[in-house]
N, C-alpha and C. Protein backbone atom coordinates (compact mmCIF):
# COMPACT_ATOMS: atom_id res chain seq x y z
N MET A 1 12.93 -5.63 -4.55
CA MET A 1 11.70 -6.28 -5.04
C MET A 1 10.99 -7.02 -3.92
N LYS A 2 11.78 -7.69 -3.09
CA LYS A 2 11.21 -8.43 -1.96
C LYS A 2 10.54 -7.48 -0.99
N SER A 3 11.19 -6.37 -0.74
CA SER A 3 10.62 -5.38 0.18
C SER A 3 9.31 -4.81 -0.38
N MET A 4 9.26 -4.65 -1.70
CA MET A 4 8.04 -4.16 -2.33
C MET A 4 6.89 -5.13 -2.12
N ARG A 5 7.16 -6.44 -2.27
CA ARG A 5 6.11 -7.45 -2.06
C ARG A 5 5.63 -7.44 -0.61
N ILE A 6 6.57 -7.28 0.31
CA ILE A 6 6.19 -7.22 1.73
C ILE A 6 5.29 -6.02 1.99
N TYR A 7 5.64 -4.88 1.37
CA TYR A 7 4.85 -3.65 1.55
C TYR A 7 3.43 -3.83 1.00
N VAL A 8 3.35 -4.41 -0.19
CA VAL A 8 2.04 -4.63 -0.81
C VAL A 8 1.20 -5.58 0.03
N SER A 9 1.82 -6.63 0.54
CA SER A 9 1.11 -7.59 1.38
C SER A 9 0.61 -6.93 2.66
N SER A 10 1.42 -6.07 3.25
CA SER A 10 1.03 -5.38 4.48
C SER A 10 -0.17 -4.47 4.23
N VAL A 11 -0.13 -3.75 3.11
CA VAL A 11 -1.25 -2.87 2.75
C VAL A 11 -2.53 -3.68 2.54
N ALA A 12 -2.40 -4.82 1.89
CA ALA A 12 -3.57 -5.68 1.63
C ALA A 12 -4.17 -6.19 2.92
N VAL A 13 -3.31 -6.60 3.86
CA VAL A 13 -3.80 -7.10 5.16
C VAL A 13 -4.49 -5.98 5.92
N ALA A 14 -3.87 -4.79 5.91
CA ALA A 14 -4.47 -3.66 6.61
C ALA A 14 -5.83 -3.31 6.03
N PHE A 15 -5.94 -3.33 4.71
CA PHE A 15 -7.19 -3.03 4.05
C PHE A 15 -8.25 -4.06 4.41
N LEU A 16 -7.87 -5.35 4.47
CA LEU A 16 -8.79 -6.41 4.81
C LEU A 16 -9.31 -6.25 6.24
N VAL A 17 -8.39 -5.93 7.16
CA VAL A 17 -8.79 -5.73 8.56
C VAL A 17 -9.77 -4.56 8.67
N PHE A 18 -9.46 -3.47 7.96
CA PHE A 18 -10.34 -2.30 7.97
C PHE A 18 -11.73 -2.65 7.43
N ALA A 19 -11.77 -3.43 6.36
CA ALA A 19 -13.04 -3.82 5.75
C ALA A 19 -13.87 -4.68 6.71
N LEU A 20 -13.22 -5.58 7.44
CA LEU A 20 -13.92 -6.43 8.39
C LEU A 20 -14.49 -5.60 9.54
N ILE A 21 -13.70 -4.64 10.04
CA ILE A 21 -14.17 -3.79 11.12
C ILE A 21 -15.37 -2.95 10.67
N ALA A 22 -15.30 -2.41 9.47
CA ALA A 22 -16.40 -1.60 8.94
C ALA A 22 -17.66 -2.42 8.77
N ALA A 23 -17.51 -3.67 8.31
CA ALA A 23 -18.66 -4.55 8.12
C ALA A 23 -19.31 -4.89 9.45
N ALA A 24 -18.48 -5.12 10.48
CA ALA A 24 -19.00 -5.44 11.80
C ALA A 24 -19.76 -4.25 12.38
N ALA A 25 -19.22 -3.04 12.18
CA ALA A 25 -19.89 -1.84 12.69
C ALA A 25 -21.23 -1.63 12.01
N THR A 26 -21.29 -1.87 10.70
CA THR A 26 -22.54 -1.72 9.95
C THR A 26 -23.58 -2.72 10.43
N ALA A 27 -23.15 -3.95 10.69
CA ALA A 27 -24.08 -4.97 11.19
C ALA A 27 -24.61 -4.60 12.56
N ALA A 28 -23.76 -4.02 13.40
CA ALA A 28 -24.18 -3.62 14.74
C ALA A 28 -25.21 -2.49 14.66
N ASP A 29 -25.00 -1.55 13.71
CA ASP A 29 -25.94 -0.45 13.54
C ASP A 29 -27.31 -0.94 13.10
N LYS A 30 -27.34 -2.02 12.32
CA LYS A 30 -28.61 -2.54 11.80
C LYS A 30 -29.33 -3.44 12.80
N LYS A 31 -28.62 -3.86 13.86
CA LYS A 31 -29.23 -4.75 14.86
C LYS A 31 -30.30 -4.01 15.63
N PRO A 32 -31.51 -4.58 15.77
CA PRO A 32 -32.59 -3.90 16.49
C PRO A 32 -32.18 -3.59 17.93
N VAL A 33 -32.56 -2.39 18.39
CA VAL A 33 -32.25 -2.00 19.77
C VAL A 33 -33.29 -2.59 20.69
N LYS A 34 -32.82 -3.27 21.74
CA LYS A 34 -33.73 -3.89 22.69
C LYS A 34 -34.55 -2.83 23.40
N ASN A 35 -35.85 -3.08 23.52
CA ASN A 35 -36.77 -2.21 24.24
C ASN A 35 -36.92 -0.83 23.59
N ALA A 36 -36.59 -0.70 22.31
CA ALA A 36 -36.76 0.58 21.63
C ALA A 36 -38.25 0.93 21.60
N ILE A 37 -38.57 2.18 21.89
CA ILE A 37 -39.95 2.62 21.97
C ILE A 37 -40.28 3.49 20.78
N THR A 38 -41.36 3.17 20.09
CA THR A 38 -41.85 3.99 18.98
C THR A 38 -42.83 5.01 19.53
N MET A 39 -42.51 6.28 19.35
CA MET A 39 -43.36 7.34 19.88
C MET A 39 -44.75 7.33 19.24
N LEU A 40 -45.75 7.56 20.07
CA LEU A 40 -47.13 7.64 19.61
C LEU A 40 -47.51 9.11 19.53
N SER A 41 -47.86 9.55 18.34
CA SER A 41 -48.15 10.97 18.13
C SER A 41 -49.64 11.19 17.90
N ARG A 42 -50.26 11.96 18.81
CA ARG A 42 -51.66 12.34 18.67
C ARG A 42 -51.79 13.81 19.06
N SER A 43 -52.74 14.49 18.48
CA SER A 43 -52.99 15.88 18.83
C SER A 43 -53.70 15.93 20.19
N GLU A 44 -53.65 17.08 20.84
CA GLU A 44 -54.31 17.21 22.14
C GLU A 44 -55.82 17.06 22.00
N SER A 45 -56.37 17.46 20.87
CA SER A 45 -57.81 17.29 20.65
C SER A 45 -58.17 15.81 20.54
N GLU A 46 -57.28 15.02 19.94
CA GLU A 46 -57.50 13.58 19.85
C GLU A 46 -57.43 12.95 21.23
N TRP A 47 -56.43 13.36 22.02
CA TRP A 47 -56.32 12.82 23.37
C TRP A 47 -57.55 13.17 24.21
N LYS A 48 -58.09 14.34 24.00
CA LYS A 48 -59.25 14.77 24.78
C LYS A 48 -60.46 13.89 24.51
N LYS A 49 -60.55 13.35 23.29
CA LYS A 49 -61.65 12.46 22.95
C LYS A 49 -61.43 11.05 23.52
N ILE A 50 -60.17 10.66 23.66
CA ILE A 50 -59.84 9.30 24.10
C ILE A 50 -59.85 9.17 25.62
N LEU A 51 -59.33 10.18 26.30
CA LEU A 51 -59.15 10.11 27.75
C LEU A 51 -60.35 10.69 28.49
N SER A 52 -60.50 10.27 29.75
CA SER A 52 -61.50 10.88 30.61
C SER A 52 -61.01 12.28 31.00
N ALA A 53 -61.87 13.08 31.60
CA ALA A 53 -61.49 14.44 31.99
C ALA A 53 -60.32 14.42 32.98
N ASP A 54 -60.39 13.50 33.95
CA ASP A 54 -59.31 13.41 34.95
C ASP A 54 -58.01 12.93 34.32
N GLN A 55 -58.12 11.95 33.42
CA GLN A 55 -56.92 11.45 32.75
C GLN A 55 -56.28 12.54 31.89
N PHE A 56 -57.08 13.30 31.18
CA PHE A 56 -56.55 14.36 30.33
C PHE A 56 -55.86 15.42 31.18
N TYR A 57 -56.46 15.77 32.30
CA TYR A 57 -55.90 16.79 33.19
C TYR A 57 -54.52 16.38 33.69
N VAL A 58 -54.38 15.13 34.08
CA VAL A 58 -53.10 14.67 34.64
C VAL A 58 -52.11 14.31 33.53
N LEU A 59 -52.52 13.47 32.60
CA LEU A 59 -51.61 12.96 31.58
C LEU A 59 -51.17 14.02 30.58
N ARG A 60 -52.08 14.91 30.19
CA ARG A 60 -51.76 15.87 29.13
C ARG A 60 -51.51 17.28 29.64
N GLN A 61 -52.00 17.60 30.86
CA GLN A 61 -51.82 18.95 31.38
C GLN A 61 -50.97 18.97 32.65
N GLN A 62 -50.29 17.87 32.92
CA GLN A 62 -49.38 17.76 34.07
C GLN A 62 -50.08 18.08 35.39
N GLY A 63 -51.33 17.64 35.50
CA GLY A 63 -52.06 17.84 36.74
C GLY A 63 -51.69 16.81 37.80
N THR A 64 -52.30 16.95 38.98
CA THR A 64 -52.03 16.03 40.10
C THR A 64 -53.34 15.66 40.78
N GLU A 65 -53.58 14.37 40.95
CA GLU A 65 -54.75 13.95 41.69
C GLU A 65 -54.51 14.17 43.18
N ARG A 66 -55.58 14.35 43.95
CA ARG A 66 -55.44 14.56 45.38
C ARG A 66 -54.93 13.29 46.07
N ALA A 67 -54.13 13.48 47.10
CA ALA A 67 -53.56 12.36 47.83
C ALA A 67 -54.66 11.47 48.41
N PHE A 68 -54.43 10.17 48.39
CA PHE A 68 -55.30 9.15 48.97
C PHE A 68 -56.65 9.01 48.25
N THR A 69 -56.75 9.58 47.05
CA THR A 69 -58.00 9.46 46.30
C THR A 69 -57.87 8.50 45.13
N GLY A 70 -56.66 8.18 44.71
CA GLY A 70 -56.44 7.32 43.57
C GLY A 70 -56.71 5.85 43.88
N LYS A 71 -57.11 5.10 42.86
CA LYS A 71 -57.51 3.70 43.07
C LYS A 71 -56.33 2.77 43.34
N TYR A 72 -55.09 3.21 43.08
CA TYR A 72 -53.95 2.31 43.22
C TYR A 72 -53.01 2.63 44.39
N HIS A 73 -53.30 3.67 45.16
CA HIS A 73 -52.36 4.00 46.24
C HIS A 73 -52.37 2.93 47.33
N ASN A 74 -53.49 2.25 47.50
CA ASN A 74 -53.60 1.18 48.51
C ASN A 74 -53.93 -0.13 47.82
N HIS A 75 -53.28 -0.37 46.71
CA HIS A 75 -53.56 -1.52 45.85
C HIS A 75 -52.42 -2.52 45.96
N HIS A 76 -52.73 -3.80 46.20
CA HIS A 76 -51.68 -4.77 46.50
C HIS A 76 -51.71 -6.04 45.65
N ALA A 77 -52.50 -6.03 44.57
CA ALA A 77 -52.55 -7.20 43.70
C ALA A 77 -51.24 -7.33 42.91
N GLU A 78 -50.97 -8.55 42.46
CA GLU A 78 -49.75 -8.80 41.69
C GLU A 78 -50.01 -8.64 40.20
N GLY A 79 -49.13 -7.91 39.54
CA GLY A 79 -49.28 -7.68 38.11
C GLY A 79 -48.45 -6.50 37.66
N ARG A 80 -48.90 -5.88 36.56
CA ARG A 80 -48.17 -4.75 35.97
C ARG A 80 -49.07 -3.53 35.90
N TYR A 81 -48.46 -2.37 35.98
CA TYR A 81 -49.18 -1.10 35.83
C TYR A 81 -48.81 -0.51 34.47
N LEU A 82 -49.82 -0.32 33.62
CA LEU A 82 -49.63 0.17 32.27
C LEU A 82 -49.98 1.65 32.19
N CYS A 83 -49.49 2.31 31.16
CA CYS A 83 -49.90 3.69 30.91
C CYS A 83 -51.38 3.69 30.56
N ALA A 84 -52.16 4.55 31.21
CA ALA A 84 -53.60 4.60 30.97
C ALA A 84 -53.93 5.13 29.59
N ALA A 85 -52.98 5.81 28.96
CA ALA A 85 -53.24 6.38 27.64
C ALA A 85 -52.86 5.46 26.50
N CYS A 86 -51.74 4.74 26.63
CA CYS A 86 -51.26 3.96 25.48
C CYS A 86 -50.93 2.50 25.82
N ASN A 87 -51.16 2.09 27.07
CA ASN A 87 -50.96 0.69 27.50
C ASN A 87 -49.50 0.22 27.52
N LEU A 88 -48.55 1.13 27.51
CA LEU A 88 -47.15 0.72 27.64
C LEU A 88 -46.91 0.24 29.06
N PRO A 89 -46.35 -0.97 29.26
CA PRO A 89 -46.05 -1.44 30.62
C PRO A 89 -45.03 -0.51 31.29
N LEU A 90 -45.35 -0.03 32.48
CA LEU A 90 -44.50 0.95 33.15
C LEU A 90 -43.88 0.45 34.45
N PHE A 91 -44.70 -0.16 35.30
CA PHE A 91 -44.21 -0.58 36.61
C PHE A 91 -44.75 -1.97 36.95
N SER A 92 -44.03 -2.65 37.83
CA SER A 92 -44.45 -3.96 38.31
C SER A 92 -44.86 -3.86 39.78
N SER A 93 -45.80 -4.71 40.16
CA SER A 93 -46.20 -4.74 41.58
C SER A 93 -45.03 -5.15 42.47
N GLU A 94 -44.03 -5.83 41.88
CA GLU A 94 -42.86 -6.24 42.66
C GLU A 94 -42.01 -5.05 43.10
N ALA A 95 -42.17 -3.91 42.44
CA ALA A 95 -41.39 -2.72 42.80
C ALA A 95 -42.25 -1.69 43.53
N LYS A 96 -43.49 -2.06 43.87
CA LYS A 96 -44.40 -1.13 44.55
C LYS A 96 -44.19 -1.19 46.06
N PHE A 97 -44.25 -0.03 46.70
CA PHE A 97 -44.13 -0.01 48.17
C PHE A 97 -45.03 1.09 48.72
N ASP A 98 -45.29 1.00 50.01
CA ASP A 98 -46.18 1.95 50.67
C ASP A 98 -45.34 3.11 51.21
N SER A 99 -45.39 4.25 50.52
CA SER A 99 -44.59 5.41 50.94
C SER A 99 -45.32 6.26 51.96
N GLY A 100 -46.63 6.05 52.12
CA GLY A 100 -47.40 6.84 53.06
C GLY A 100 -47.79 8.20 52.53
N THR A 101 -47.53 8.48 51.26
CA THR A 101 -47.81 9.80 50.69
C THR A 101 -49.21 9.92 50.13
N GLY A 102 -49.86 8.79 49.85
CA GLY A 102 -51.19 8.83 49.26
C GLY A 102 -51.20 8.65 47.77
N TRP A 103 -50.02 8.40 47.18
CA TRP A 103 -49.91 8.11 45.75
C TRP A 103 -49.18 6.79 45.56
N PRO A 104 -49.49 6.03 44.52
CA PRO A 104 -48.74 4.80 44.24
C PRO A 104 -47.25 5.11 44.13
N SER A 105 -46.44 4.30 44.77
CA SER A 105 -44.99 4.53 44.76
C SER A 105 -44.26 3.27 44.34
N PHE A 106 -43.24 3.44 43.51
CA PHE A 106 -42.44 2.33 42.99
C PHE A 106 -40.96 2.70 43.12
N PHE A 107 -40.12 1.69 43.36
CA PHE A 107 -38.70 2.02 43.46
C PHE A 107 -37.95 1.82 42.14
N ALA A 108 -38.65 1.37 41.10
CA ALA A 108 -38.01 1.22 39.78
C ALA A 108 -39.09 1.01 38.72
N PRO A 109 -38.86 1.48 37.50
CA PRO A 109 -39.79 1.17 36.41
C PRO A 109 -39.57 -0.25 35.93
N LEU A 110 -40.54 -0.77 35.22
CA LEU A 110 -40.44 -2.12 34.67
C LEU A 110 -39.27 -2.21 33.70
N GLU A 111 -39.16 -1.21 32.85
CA GLU A 111 -38.02 -1.05 31.92
C GLU A 111 -37.64 0.42 31.94
N LYS A 112 -36.35 0.70 32.12
CA LYS A 112 -35.90 2.09 32.19
C LYS A 112 -36.28 2.85 30.93
N ALA A 113 -36.24 2.17 29.78
CA ALA A 113 -36.55 2.83 28.51
C ALA A 113 -38.02 3.17 28.36
N HIS A 114 -38.87 2.65 29.26
CA HIS A 114 -40.31 2.89 29.15
C HIS A 114 -40.75 4.20 29.80
N VAL A 115 -39.85 4.84 30.53
CA VAL A 115 -40.18 6.13 31.14
C VAL A 115 -39.16 7.17 30.72
N GLU A 116 -39.61 8.40 30.66
CA GLU A 116 -38.75 9.54 30.32
C GLU A 116 -38.71 10.46 31.52
N GLU A 117 -37.55 10.98 31.85
CA GLU A 117 -37.38 11.85 33.00
C GLU A 117 -36.90 13.22 32.55
N LEU A 118 -37.62 14.27 33.02
CA LEU A 118 -37.30 15.65 32.63
C LEU A 118 -37.30 16.54 33.87
N VAL A 119 -36.51 17.60 33.82
CA VAL A 119 -36.47 18.57 34.93
C VAL A 119 -37.77 19.37 34.92
N ASP A 120 -38.40 19.49 36.09
CA ASP A 120 -39.66 20.23 36.26
C ASP A 120 -39.42 21.33 37.29
N LEU A 121 -39.57 22.59 36.88
CA LEU A 121 -39.34 23.73 37.76
C LEU A 121 -40.64 24.40 38.21
N SER A 122 -41.77 23.71 38.06
CA SER A 122 -43.06 24.27 38.46
C SER A 122 -43.20 24.32 39.97
N HIS A 123 -44.15 25.13 40.44
CA HIS A 123 -44.46 25.27 41.87
C HIS A 123 -43.26 25.75 42.68
N GLY A 124 -42.34 26.44 42.03
CA GLY A 124 -41.20 26.99 42.76
C GLY A 124 -40.22 25.95 43.26
N MET A 125 -40.24 24.74 42.66
CA MET A 125 -39.36 23.66 43.09
C MET A 125 -38.63 23.09 41.89
N ARG A 126 -37.57 22.37 42.17
CA ARG A 126 -36.88 21.63 41.11
C ARG A 126 -37.12 20.15 41.35
N ARG A 127 -37.91 19.55 40.46
CA ARG A 127 -38.22 18.13 40.58
C ARG A 127 -37.92 17.43 39.26
N ILE A 128 -37.95 16.12 39.29
CA ILE A 128 -37.76 15.33 38.08
C ILE A 128 -39.10 14.71 37.69
N GLU A 129 -39.65 15.19 36.59
CA GLU A 129 -40.93 14.69 36.11
C GLU A 129 -40.73 13.35 35.42
N VAL A 130 -41.71 12.48 35.55
CA VAL A 130 -41.69 11.17 34.88
C VAL A 130 -42.82 11.13 33.87
N ARG A 131 -42.47 10.79 32.62
CA ARG A 131 -43.46 10.68 31.56
C ARG A 131 -43.39 9.31 30.91
N CYS A 132 -44.49 8.91 30.29
CA CYS A 132 -44.50 7.69 29.48
C CYS A 132 -43.64 7.93 28.25
N ALA A 133 -42.76 7.00 27.96
CA ALA A 133 -41.84 7.16 26.83
C ALA A 133 -42.53 6.98 25.49
N ARG A 134 -43.70 6.38 25.46
CA ARG A 134 -44.40 6.17 24.18
C ARG A 134 -45.30 7.34 23.82
N CYS A 135 -46.14 7.78 24.75
CA CYS A 135 -47.11 8.83 24.41
C CYS A 135 -46.78 10.18 25.04
N GLY A 136 -45.79 10.23 25.93
CA GLY A 136 -45.41 11.49 26.56
C GLY A 136 -46.33 11.91 27.68
N GLY A 137 -47.24 11.02 28.11
CA GLY A 137 -48.17 11.35 29.17
C GLY A 137 -47.48 11.56 30.51
N HIS A 138 -47.93 12.56 31.26
CA HIS A 138 -47.38 12.85 32.58
C HIS A 138 -47.79 11.77 33.57
N LEU A 139 -46.82 11.21 34.28
CA LEU A 139 -47.09 10.15 35.25
C LEU A 139 -46.96 10.64 36.68
N GLY A 140 -45.94 11.43 36.95
CA GLY A 140 -45.68 11.90 38.31
C GLY A 140 -44.26 12.42 38.40
N HIS A 141 -43.57 12.12 39.52
CA HIS A 141 -42.20 12.57 39.72
C HIS A 141 -41.39 11.46 40.39
N VAL A 142 -40.08 11.54 40.25
CA VAL A 142 -39.20 10.56 40.90
C VAL A 142 -38.26 11.29 41.84
N PHE A 143 -38.04 10.69 43.03
CA PHE A 143 -37.20 11.26 44.07
C PHE A 143 -36.24 10.21 44.61
N ASP A 144 -35.23 10.66 45.31
CA ASP A 144 -34.20 9.73 45.79
C ASP A 144 -34.38 9.38 47.27
N ASP A 145 -35.64 9.39 47.76
CA ASP A 145 -35.90 9.04 49.15
C ASP A 145 -36.69 7.74 49.26
N GLY A 146 -36.51 6.85 48.29
CA GLY A 146 -37.21 5.58 48.29
C GLY A 146 -36.55 4.54 49.17
N PRO A 147 -37.11 3.33 49.22
CA PRO A 147 -36.57 2.28 50.09
C PRO A 147 -35.21 1.79 49.62
N ARG A 148 -34.38 1.46 50.58
CA ARG A 148 -33.06 0.90 50.28
C ARG A 148 -32.90 -0.50 50.87
N GLY A 149 -33.96 -0.99 51.49
CA GLY A 149 -33.91 -2.32 52.07
C GLY A 149 -35.30 -2.74 52.52
N PRO A 150 -35.51 -4.02 52.83
CA PRO A 150 -36.83 -4.55 53.22
C PRO A 150 -37.17 -4.20 54.66
N LEU A 151 -37.38 -2.91 54.94
CA LEU A 151 -37.70 -2.48 56.29
C LEU A 151 -39.21 -2.39 56.46
N PRO A 152 -39.72 -2.50 57.67
CA PRO A 152 -41.17 -2.40 57.90
C PRO A 152 -41.66 -1.01 57.59
N GLY A 153 -42.92 -0.89 57.16
CA GLY A 153 -43.49 0.40 56.82
C GLY A 153 -43.74 1.25 58.05
N ALA A 154 -43.99 2.53 57.81
CA ALA A 154 -44.26 3.45 58.91
C ALA A 154 -45.28 4.47 58.44
N ASP A 155 -46.06 5.01 59.39
CA ASP A 155 -47.06 6.02 59.04
C ASP A 155 -46.36 7.32 58.70
N ARG A 156 -46.83 7.98 57.64
CA ARG A 156 -46.25 9.24 57.19
C ARG A 156 -47.35 10.25 56.94
N LYS A 157 -47.01 11.51 57.04
CA LYS A 157 -47.96 12.57 56.72
C LYS A 157 -48.01 12.75 55.22
N SER A 158 -49.17 13.17 54.72
CA SER A 158 -49.30 13.36 53.28
C SER A 158 -48.77 14.73 52.89
N SER A 159 -48.65 14.95 51.56
CA SER A 159 -48.17 16.22 51.05
C SER A 159 -49.10 16.71 49.97
N LYS A 160 -48.84 17.89 49.44
CA LYS A 160 -49.74 18.51 48.49
C LYS A 160 -49.54 18.06 47.06
N HIS A 161 -48.36 17.60 46.73
CA HIS A 161 -48.07 17.18 45.37
C HIS A 161 -47.31 15.86 45.42
N PRO A 162 -47.50 15.00 44.43
CA PRO A 162 -46.72 13.77 44.40
C PRO A 162 -45.24 14.10 44.44
N GLY A 163 -44.57 13.56 45.44
CA GLY A 163 -43.14 13.78 45.53
C GLY A 163 -42.77 14.86 46.51
N ASP A 164 -43.73 15.76 46.89
CA ASP A 164 -43.40 16.76 47.90
C ASP A 164 -43.50 16.07 49.24
N GLY A 165 -42.63 15.12 49.47
CA GLY A 165 -42.75 14.19 50.57
C GLY A 165 -42.68 14.82 51.93
N PRO A 166 -43.17 14.12 52.98
CA PRO A 166 -43.09 14.60 54.34
C PRO A 166 -41.65 14.63 54.80
N ARG A 167 -41.41 15.32 55.87
CA ARG A 167 -40.07 15.38 56.41
C ARG A 167 -39.66 14.04 56.98
N GLY A 168 -38.38 13.78 56.94
CA GLY A 168 -37.90 12.51 57.46
C GLY A 168 -37.71 11.50 56.36
N PRO A 169 -37.19 10.31 56.70
CA PRO A 169 -36.89 9.28 55.69
C PRO A 169 -38.16 8.68 55.12
N LEU A 170 -38.49 9.02 53.90
CA LEU A 170 -39.71 8.55 53.26
C LEU A 170 -39.52 7.20 52.61
N GLY A 171 -40.55 6.40 52.59
CA GLY A 171 -40.54 5.19 51.80
C GLY A 171 -39.55 4.15 52.27
N SER A 172 -39.22 4.12 53.54
CA SER A 172 -38.23 3.16 54.00
C SER A 172 -38.80 1.77 54.14
N GLY A 173 -40.12 1.64 54.06
CA GLY A 173 -40.73 0.33 54.23
C GLY A 173 -41.21 -0.27 52.94
N ALA A 174 -40.69 -1.41 52.55
CA ALA A 174 -41.19 -2.11 51.36
C ALA A 174 -42.52 -2.74 51.70
N ASP A 175 -43.46 -2.68 50.78
CA ASP A 175 -44.80 -3.21 50.99
C ASP A 175 -44.79 -4.72 50.76
N THR A 176 -44.82 -5.48 51.83
CA THR A 176 -44.73 -6.94 51.72
C THR A 176 -46.07 -7.60 51.46
N ARG A 177 -47.15 -6.82 51.38
CA ARG A 177 -48.46 -7.41 51.18
C ARG A 177 -48.73 -7.76 49.72
N SER A 178 -47.95 -7.21 48.80
CA SER A 178 -48.27 -7.37 47.39
C SER A 178 -47.64 -8.59 46.73
N SER A 179 -46.41 -8.92 47.10
CA SER A 179 -45.73 -9.97 46.36
C SER A 179 -44.60 -10.56 47.16
N SER A 180 -43.84 -11.44 46.52
CA SER A 180 -42.71 -12.09 47.17
C SER A 180 -41.40 -11.39 46.84
N ARG A 181 -41.46 -10.08 46.52
CA ARG A 181 -40.26 -9.38 46.06
C ARG A 181 -39.16 -9.34 47.12
N GLN A 182 -39.50 -9.54 48.39
CA GLN A 182 -38.47 -9.49 49.42
C GLN A 182 -37.46 -10.61 49.26
N SER A 183 -37.86 -11.72 48.66
CA SER A 183 -36.95 -12.85 48.53
C SER A 183 -36.38 -13.01 47.13
N ASP A 184 -37.23 -12.84 46.11
CA ASP A 184 -36.74 -13.11 44.77
C ASP A 184 -37.11 -12.03 43.74
N GLY A 185 -37.61 -10.90 44.19
CA GLY A 185 -37.98 -9.83 43.27
C GLY A 185 -36.86 -8.82 43.11
N PRO A 186 -37.14 -7.71 42.39
CA PRO A 186 -36.13 -6.67 42.20
C PRO A 186 -35.74 -6.04 43.53
N LYS A 187 -34.51 -5.58 43.61
CA LYS A 187 -34.01 -5.00 44.85
C LYS A 187 -34.30 -3.50 44.90
N PRO A 188 -34.64 -2.96 46.07
CA PRO A 188 -34.88 -1.53 46.21
C PRO A 188 -33.70 -0.70 45.71
N THR A 189 -34.02 0.43 45.09
CA THR A 189 -32.99 1.26 44.45
C THR A 189 -32.70 2.55 45.20
N GLY A 190 -33.52 2.88 46.19
CA GLY A 190 -33.38 4.17 46.86
C GLY A 190 -34.18 5.26 46.17
N LEU A 191 -34.87 4.92 45.06
CA LEU A 191 -35.69 5.89 44.34
C LEU A 191 -37.16 5.71 44.70
N ARG A 192 -37.91 6.78 44.54
CA ARG A 192 -39.36 6.73 44.76
C ARG A 192 -40.05 7.37 43.55
N TYR A 193 -40.61 6.53 42.70
CA TYR A 193 -41.42 7.01 41.59
C TYR A 193 -42.82 7.23 42.13
N CYS A 194 -43.17 8.50 42.34
CA CYS A 194 -44.46 8.87 42.93
C CYS A 194 -45.42 9.16 41.77
N ILE A 195 -46.37 8.26 41.55
CA ILE A 195 -47.16 8.24 40.31
C ILE A 195 -48.65 8.46 40.59
N ASN A 196 -49.29 9.21 39.73
CA ASN A 196 -50.74 9.39 39.83
C ASN A 196 -51.47 8.12 39.41
N SER A 197 -52.44 7.70 40.21
CA SER A 197 -53.22 6.50 39.86
C SER A 197 -53.92 6.66 38.52
N VAL A 198 -54.43 7.87 38.27
CA VAL A 198 -55.20 8.09 37.05
C VAL A 198 -54.35 7.95 35.79
N SER A 199 -53.03 7.98 35.95
CA SER A 199 -52.14 7.80 34.80
C SER A 199 -51.88 6.33 34.50
N LEU A 200 -52.40 5.46 35.35
CA LEU A 200 -52.11 4.03 35.24
C LEU A 200 -53.34 3.19 34.95
N ARG A 201 -53.08 2.00 34.44
CA ARG A 201 -54.09 0.96 34.30
C ARG A 201 -53.45 -0.34 34.75
N PHE A 202 -54.10 -1.08 35.62
CA PHE A 202 -53.50 -2.29 36.18
C PHE A 202 -53.87 -3.52 35.38
N GLU A 203 -52.88 -4.36 35.14
CA GLU A 203 -53.08 -5.65 34.48
C GLU A 203 -52.55 -6.72 35.40
N SER A 204 -53.44 -7.62 35.84
CA SER A 204 -53.05 -8.67 36.77
C SER A 204 -52.18 -9.72 36.06
N ASP A 205 -51.54 -10.55 36.83
CA ASP A 205 -50.71 -11.59 36.25
C ASP A 205 -51.52 -12.56 35.40
N SER A 206 -52.83 -12.60 35.63
CA SER A 206 -53.68 -13.47 34.83
C SER A 206 -54.07 -12.84 33.50
N GLY A 207 -53.72 -11.54 33.34
CA GLY A 207 -53.99 -10.86 32.08
C GLY A 207 -55.18 -9.95 32.10
N SER A 208 -55.97 -9.96 33.16
CA SER A 208 -57.16 -9.09 33.23
C SER A 208 -56.75 -7.68 33.62
N GLN A 209 -57.45 -6.69 33.06
CA GLN A 209 -57.16 -5.30 33.36
C GLN A 209 -58.26 -4.72 34.22
N ARG A 210 -57.86 -3.84 35.13
CA ARG A 210 -58.85 -3.13 35.96
C ARG A 210 -58.24 -1.87 36.54
């Protein structure tokens, strides 16, 4: 009889522990995910009405602006770069550097969840395309030849497509003209997010957009 009571008590304790674990798991599932992005769904005809011709070509048709023609490749103000289509914050001026390619370059996104990366086999190459995680707009490409330390910039030859970088170590110089990132900003990652200016909209730290 005593052994039976011990058995019943053990089963009850085990059941209680199981119930507590299940309750904790359910609560964790219901907890909001930090930085979760809600996809924005619009038809291509809708996007064509909203975006300029250049924006539609790059953002929706995976086009590329010509090197050194974009408004942000030589831009050094402090603030954030938003998606030109849906205003999702994508990059910070603290992660911007002068790669010499003629396109805005960043060594990290503002939030990893704000960008989507996909394999791109166009133009006979294998590259990693970068898209806005909210609207799916094409931003550019990411490569692993970005800055790894606060080294001085150097002149580089341009290329035909964002990311088709010149020969040699690209992006080794962090752009110190934009911010104080060398002392207290994000650290270089070795990546180069080569982004079309037309895919971006700049918002200064004061909140103004341009």
